[in-house]
């Protein structure tokens, strides 16, 4: 294929911005996904991603930055889930299902009750090809805050993810670390609004860590692998969507899915080969 054809997507300003915000979003989501996978918080990420919709609509109604409303309702949902699970016989996953579906339903009702030029598809599935410089700046600021927060609390978060009981033994507060992780997760969901949107945000926050978990034996290696996988998937998915004439966000998620399946198959083949070798010995 002609080199000019291969480089064609990089010549358009809207694609340049799409690649830029993909790189910005990839790092915080990849780092956070490792903690969520190890801690088993996939459903919590799903709950928060759905619950920010009413906050986005309310912020639009009052003329506030959408990021403010999204963060407020996301944190409210996360705190409410923890509060209810501690005081109710119903298991946490059931409570999360009730809370996030209720918040998502409220967001839809609020959205259809107002007149707005903001298309619902852009909120739900992202609008990476229509972002502006302001979106890149705001997403960049949020991403930097999340990355710095994760790095500063690195040791505490690792300990909390693997052994919460040991956190108390070390004289640390499980609650503080817990809500720090919740705040980072909510901010990350907010940062992905312009790229993957609310519905596909959970894939972006879980898939990199899940894939890295399959191929890594050390947590530090898992973090590095997750970042590399996320950057590759974000850029290649956005690039492929240009030629496929498809929406970038779903294409990115399909790249993640394809990588996960390939890694899983490779591990199965490797495991069977190792087992067969041992039996022959």
Protein backbone atom coordinates (compact mmCIF):
# COMPACT_ATOMS: atom_id res chain seq x y z
CA UNK A 1 0.00 0.00 0.00
CA UNK A 2 1.18 3.51 -0.82
CA UNK A 3 2.82 5.33 2.10
CA UNK A 4 0.68 8.40 1.45
CA UNK A 5 -2.44 6.29 1.93
CA UNK A 6 -1.13 4.86 5.20
CA UNK A 7 -0.32 8.32 6.55
CA UNK A 8 -3.57 9.87 5.32
CA UNK A 9 -5.34 9.88 8.74
CA UNK A 10 -2.53 11.96 10.25
CA UNK A 11 -3.11 14.76 7.73
CA UNK A 12 -6.56 15.68 9.05
CA UNK A 13 -6.80 18.00 12.10
CA UNK A 14 -9.74 16.08 13.59
CA UNK A 15 -7.75 12.83 13.43
CA UNK A 16 -4.69 14.52 14.93
CA UNK A 17 -6.81 15.62 17.89
CA UNK A 18 -8.31 12.14 18.16
CA UNK A 19 -4.85 10.56 18.36
CA UNK A 20 -3.74 13.17 20.89
CA UNK A 21 -6.64 12.62 23.29
CA UNK A 22 -6.27 8.86 22.85
CA UNK A 23 -2.71 9.09 24.18
CA UNK A 24 -3.83 11.34 27.04
CA UNK A 25 -6.61 9.00 28.15
CA UNK A 26 -4.63 5.78 27.71
CA UNK A 27 -2.21 6.26 30.62
CA UNK A 28 -4.59 6.92 33.55
CA UNK A 29 -7.12 4.32 32.38
CA UNK A 30 -4.40 1.70 31.98
CA UNK A 31 -2.93 2.31 35.44
CA UNK A 32 -6.32 2.39 37.12
CA UNK A 33 -7.49 -0.75 35.33
CA UNK A 34 -4.76 -2.77 37.03
CA UNK A 35 -6.01 -1.82 40.48
CA UNK A 36 -9.64 -2.45 39.50
CA UNK A 37 -8.86 -5.89 38.06
CA UNK A 38 -6.81 -6.99 41.06
CA UNK A 39 -9.40 -5.65 43.49
CA UNK A 40 -12.34 -7.11 41.54
CA UNK A 41 -14.04 -3.75 41.00
CA UNK A 42 -15.16 -4.19 37.38
CA UNK A 43 -18.83 -3.81 38.27
CA UNK A 44 -18.09 -0.76 40.42
CA UNK A 45 -16.52 0.90 37.38
CA UNK A 46 -19.62 0.04 35.38
CA UNK A 47 -21.83 1.54 38.08
CA UNK A 48 -19.89 4.80 38.22
CA UNK A 49 -19.73 5.15 34.43
CA UNK A 50 -23.53 4.89 34.18
CA UNK A 51 -24.25 7.06 37.20
CA UNK A 52 -22.54 10.19 35.90
CA UNK A 53 -25.22 10.77 33.24
CA UNK A 54 -27.67 12.70 35.49
CA UNK A 55 -24.78 14.84 36.71
CA UNK A 56 -23.86 15.72 33.13
CA UNK A 57 -27.45 16.75 32.36
CA UNK A 58 -27.86 18.75 35.58
CA UNK A 59 -24.57 20.55 34.97
CA UNK A 60 -25.76 21.43 31.46
CA UNK A 61 -29.05 22.79 32.81
CA UNK A 62 -27.32 25.11 35.28
CA UNK A 63 -24.55 26.11 32.89
CA UNK A 64 -21.80 24.40 34.90
CA UNK A 65 -18.85 22.50 33.46
CA UNK A 66 -20.00 18.98 32.63
CA UNK A 67 -17.00 17.55 34.44
CA UNK A 68 -18.25 19.02 37.74
CA UNK A 69 -21.67 17.40 37.52
CA UNK A 70 -20.24 14.08 36.34
CA UNK A 71 -17.75 13.89 39.20
CA UNK A 72 -20.35 14.84 41.83
CA UNK A 73 -22.90 12.20 40.83
CA UNK A 74 -20.23 9.57 40.23
CA UNK A 75 -18.84 9.96 43.73
CA UNK A 76 -22.35 10.09 45.17
CA UNK A 77 -23.16 6.78 43.51
CA UNK A 78 -19.97 5.15 44.74
CA UNK A 79 -20.47 6.36 48.32
CA UNK A 80 -24.15 5.36 48.30
CA UNK A 81 -23.23 1.88 47.11
CA UNK A 82 -20.74 1.43 49.92
CA UNK A 83 -23.16 2.81 52.51
CA UNK A 84 -26.01 0.54 51.44
CA UNK A 85 -23.87 -2.59 51.16
CA UNK A 86 -22.61 -2.09 54.73
CA UNK A 87 -26.13 -1.74 56.11
CA UNK A 88 -28.12 -4.13 53.96
CA UNK A 89 -28.31 -7.91 53.61
CA UNK A 90 -28.33 -7.62 49.83
CA UNK A 91 -24.92 -8.29 48.27
CA UNK A 92 -22.87 -5.41 46.90
CA UNK A 93 -23.14 -6.43 43.25
CA UNK A 94 -26.94 -6.39 43.49
CA UNK A 95 -26.91 -2.98 45.14
CA UNK A 96 -24.61 -1.63 42.45
CA UNK A 97 -26.98 -2.92 39.79
CA UNK A 98 -29.90 -1.12 41.43
CA UNK A 99 -28.00 2.12 42.01
CA UNK A 100 -26.38 2.48 38.59
CA UNK A 101 -29.50 1.47 36.65
CA UNK A 102 -31.57 3.91 38.71
CA UNK A 103 -29.10 6.75 38.14
CA UNK A 104 -28.87 5.93 34.44
CA UNK A 105 -32.66 5.94 34.15
CA UNK A 106 -32.80 9.29 35.94
CA UNK A 107 -30.23 10.68 33.53
CA UNK A 108 -32.24 9.58 30.49
CA UNK A 109 -35.43 11.14 31.90
CA UNK A 110 -33.65 14.43 32.61
CA UNK A 111 -32.08 14.44 29.16
CA UNK A 112 -35.35 13.99 27.25
CA UNK A 113 -37.02 16.69 29.38
CA UNK A 114 -34.73 19.48 28.16
CA UNK A 115 -33.92 21.04 24.81
CA UNK A 116 -30.26 20.67 23.98
CA UNK A 117 -28.00 20.53 20.96
CA UNK A 118 -25.78 17.96 22.69
CA UNK A 119 -26.61 14.61 21.10
CA UNK A 120 -27.17 11.75 23.53
CA UNK A 121 -25.02 9.43 21.40
CA UNK A 122 -22.02 11.69 22.03
CA UNK A 123 -22.48 11.30 25.78
CA UNK A 124 -23.10 7.57 25.69
CA UNK A 125 -20.59 6.53 23.01
CA UNK A 126 -18.17 9.46 22.89
CA UNK A 127 -17.36 11.94 20.13
CA UNK A 128 -13.63 11.62 19.70
CA UNK A 129 -13.72 12.94 16.12
CA UNK A 130 -15.54 16.10 17.18
CA UNK A 131 -13.44 17.18 20.14
CA UNK A 132 -11.89 20.63 20.41
CA UNK A 133 -8.81 22.07 22.04
CA UNK A 134 -10.75 22.75 25.24
CA UNK A 135 -11.65 19.06 25.50
CA UNK A 136 -8.01 18.07 25.11
CA UNK A 137 -6.92 20.53 27.79
CA UNK A 138 -9.61 19.52 30.32
CA UNK A 139 -9.01 15.81 29.70
CA UNK A 140 -5.27 16.36 30.03
CA UNK A 141 -5.66 18.11 33.37
CA UNK A 142 -7.90 15.35 34.73
CA UNK A 143 -5.52 12.65 33.45
CA UNK A 144 -2.51 14.32 35.07
CA UNK A 145 -4.34 14.61 38.40
CA UNK A 146 -5.30 10.93 38.30
CA UNK A 147 -1.80 9.73 37.35
CA UNK A 148 -0.13 11.86 40.02
CA UNK A 149 -2.62 10.68 42.62
CA UNK A 150 -2.06 7.01 41.73
CA UNK A 151 1.72 7.43 41.83
CA UNK A 152 1.70 9.26 45.16
CA UNK A 153 -0.51 6.59 46.75
CA UNK A 154 1.20 3.77 44.89
CA UNK A 155 2.26 1.62 47.84
CA UNK A 156 -0.95 2.19 49.81
CA UNK A 157 -3.15 1.29 46.84
CA UNK A 158 -1.17 -1.87 46.11
CA UNK A 159 -1.45 -2.97 49.73
CA UNK A 160 -5.16 -2.13 49.82
CA UNK A 161 -5.81 -4.03 46.58
CA UNK A 162 -4.04 -7.23 47.66
CA UNK A 163 -4.48 -7.29 51.44
CA UNK A 164 -6.85 -4.73 53.05
CA UNK A 165 -6.27 -6.33 56.45
CA UNK A 166 -2.57 -5.54 56.27
CA UNK A 167 -3.43 -1.86 55.69
CA UNK A 168 -4.78 -1.57 59.23
CA UNK A 169 -1.78 -3.41 60.61
CA UNK A 170 0.47 -0.85 58.92
CA UNK A 171 -1.44 1.97 60.63
CA UNK A 172 -3.15 3.22 57.49
CA UNK A 173 -6.81 4.00 56.93
CA UNK A 174 -8.69 1.63 54.65
CA UNK A 175 -11.46 4.20 54.22
CA UNK A 176 -9.12 6.94 52.99
CA UNK A 177 -7.45 4.62 50.48
CA UNK A 178 -10.86 3.25 49.46
CA UNK A 179 -12.29 6.66 48.64
CA UNK A 180 -9.05 7.79 47.01
CA UNK A 181 -9.44 4.91 44.56
CA UNK A 182 -13.12 5.76 44.06
CA UNK A 183 -12.25 9.40 43.34
CA UNK A 184 -9.58 8.33 40.83
CA UNK A 185 -12.05 5.99 39.15
CA UNK A 186 -14.73 8.70 38.91
CA UNK A 187 -12.27 11.24 37.52
CA UNK A 188 -11.10 8.69 34.96
CA UNK A 189 -14.67 8.07 33.82
CA UNK A 190 -15.07 11.83 33.45
CA UNK A 191 -11.86 11.98 31.41
CA UNK A 192 -13.18 9.35 28.99
CA UNK A 193 -16.45 11.17 28.29
CA UNK A 194 -15.14 12.72 25.08
CA UNK A 195 -13.46 9.56 23.82
CA UNK A 196 -15.38 6.38 24.59
CA UNK A 197 -18.41 7.91 26.30
CA UNK A 198 -20.20 6.48 29.32
CA UNK A 199 -21.20 3.03 28.10
CA UNK A 200 -17.83 2.01 26.66
CA UNK A 201 -15.77 3.65 29.43
CA UNK A 202 -15.88 0.47 31.51
CA UNK A 203 -14.17 -1.46 28.71
CA UNK A 204 -11.36 1.06 28.61
CA UNK A 205 -10.88 0.84 32.38
CA UNK A 206 -10.94 -2.96 32.63
CA UNK A 207 -9.57 -4.46 29.40
CA UNK A 208 -5.94 -3.20 29.62
CA UNK A 209 -5.52 -4.49 33.17
CA UNK A 210 -7.25 -7.79 32.39
CA UNK A 211 -4.96 -8.46 29.43
CA UNK A 212 -1.86 -7.41 31.36
CA UNK A 213 -2.92 -9.66 34.24
CA UNK A 214 -2.83 -12.68 31.91
CA UNK A 215 0.71 -12.03 30.72
CA UNK A 216 2.35 -10.65 33.88
CA UNK A 217 3.59 -12.25 37.10
CA UNK A 218 4.61 -9.04 38.88
CA UNK A 219 2.32 -6.08 39.54
CA UNK A 220 4.92 -3.56 38.34
CA UNK A 221 5.21 -5.47 35.06
CA UNK A 222 1.42 -5.59 34.86
CA UNK A 223 1.25 -1.78 35.08
CA UNK A 224 3.79 -1.29 32.29
CA UNK A 225 2.16 -3.91 30.08
CA UNK A 226 -1.26 -2.35 30.67
CA UNK A 227 -0.06 1.09 29.59
CA UNK A 228 1.56 -0.31 26.45
CA UNK A 229 -1.52 -2.35 25.55
CA UNK A 230 -3.83 0.60 26.13
CA UNK A 231 -1.78 3.01 24.04
CA UNK A 232 -1.54 0.50 21.18
CA UNK A 233 -5.26 -0.31 21.28
CA UNK A 234 -6.36 3.32 21.47
CA UNK A 235 -4.16 4.43 18.57
CA UNK A 236 -4.73 1.37 16.36
CA UNK A 237 -8.48 1.39 16.98
CA UNK A 238 -8.76 5.08 16.14
CA UNK A 239 -6.55 4.57 13.09
CA UNK A 240 -8.55 1.56 11.86
CA UNK A 241 -11.86 3.38 12.30
CA UNK A 242 -10.75 5.90 9.68
CA UNK A 243 -10.55 3.26 6.96
CA UNK A 244 -13.43 1.15 8.22
CA UNK A 245 -15.66 4.23 8.40
CA UNK A 246 -16.73 3.11 11.87
CA UNK A 247 -17.11 4.87 15.20
CA UNK A 248 -13.67 5.03 16.90
CA UNK A 249 -14.82 4.10 20.44
CA UNK A 250 -16.42 0.73 19.57
CA UNK A 251 -13.49 -0.03 17.26
CA UNK A 252 -11.05 0.56 20.12
CA UNK A 253 -13.04 -1.78 22.36
CA UNK A 254 -13.01 -4.44 19.62
CA UNK A 255 -9.21 -4.16 19.43
CA UNK A 256 -9.04 -4.74 23.19
CA UNK A 257 -11.34 -7.75 22.85
CA UNK A 258 -9.29 -9.21 19.99
CA UNK A 259 -6.06 -8.84 21.98
CA UNK A 260 -7.63 -10.48 25.03
CA UNK A 261 -8.88 -13.44 22.98
CA UNK A 262 -5.50 -13.90 21.28
CA UNK A 263 -3.63 -13.77 24.60
CA UNK A 264 -6.08 -16.21 26.16
CA UNK A 265 -5.72 -18.67 23.25
CA UNK A 266 -1.94 -18.39 23.39
CA UNK A 267 -1.94 -19.15 27.12
CA UNK A 268 -4.21 -22.16 26.60
CA UNK A 269 -1.91 -23.55 23.92
CA UNK A 270 1.14 -22.91 26.10
CA UNK A 271 -0.51 -24.59 29.12
CA UNK A 272 -1.47 -27.68 27.10
CA UNK A 273 2.02 -27.92 25.62
CA UNK A 274 3.60 -27.65 29.08
CA UNK A 275 1.22 -30.29 30.50
CA UNK A 276 1.91 -32.67 27.60
CA UNK A 277 5.67 -32.20 28.03
CA UNK A 278 5.46 -32.99 31.74
CA UNK A 279 3.42 -36.12 31.10
CA UNK A 280 5.91 -37.37 28.52
CA UNK A 281 8.76 -36.92 30.98
